[in-house]
Amino acid sequence: MKPSEIKRKRQASLLRELISEAVGQLDDERLHGITVTEVDVKKGGYDADVYIDKSFYSPEEQKEILKALKKAAPLLQSYCLEMSGWFKCPKFHFKFDELLDQQKKIEDLFAKIKEEK
């Protein structure tokens, strides 16, 4: 792994912790229960995809949560800058994590195959 990749992974790990802390301190009750599953810092460090667990939310709630997160993004970025001591913070792009759904579908398929044997 290249040093730049290691740096991005380290930055993503710290951002995941800081974003979770910052969201918990916001006044918006809708955001208090969200779980940040992953942060993917893009090359250059100017953008980061922040993945949220969608297991407990309806499609309508998901839309509201994304709106609230987009509105709160500047506050979250300020918090991350202050707590990390970095010169700049990536711009956050919030998304719901589809990986958990895909993983469940695969597990269900394996269970079905096992039953058929």
Foldseek 3Di string as FASTA:
>chain_A
DDPQVVVQQVLFVLLQVLLLVQQCPDPDPLSNPKHFPTWGQDPPRQEIETEIECVPDDPVSVVVNQVVCLVCQVVSQVSSCVVVVDPGHHRYDYDYDCVVVVVVVVVVVVVVVVVVD
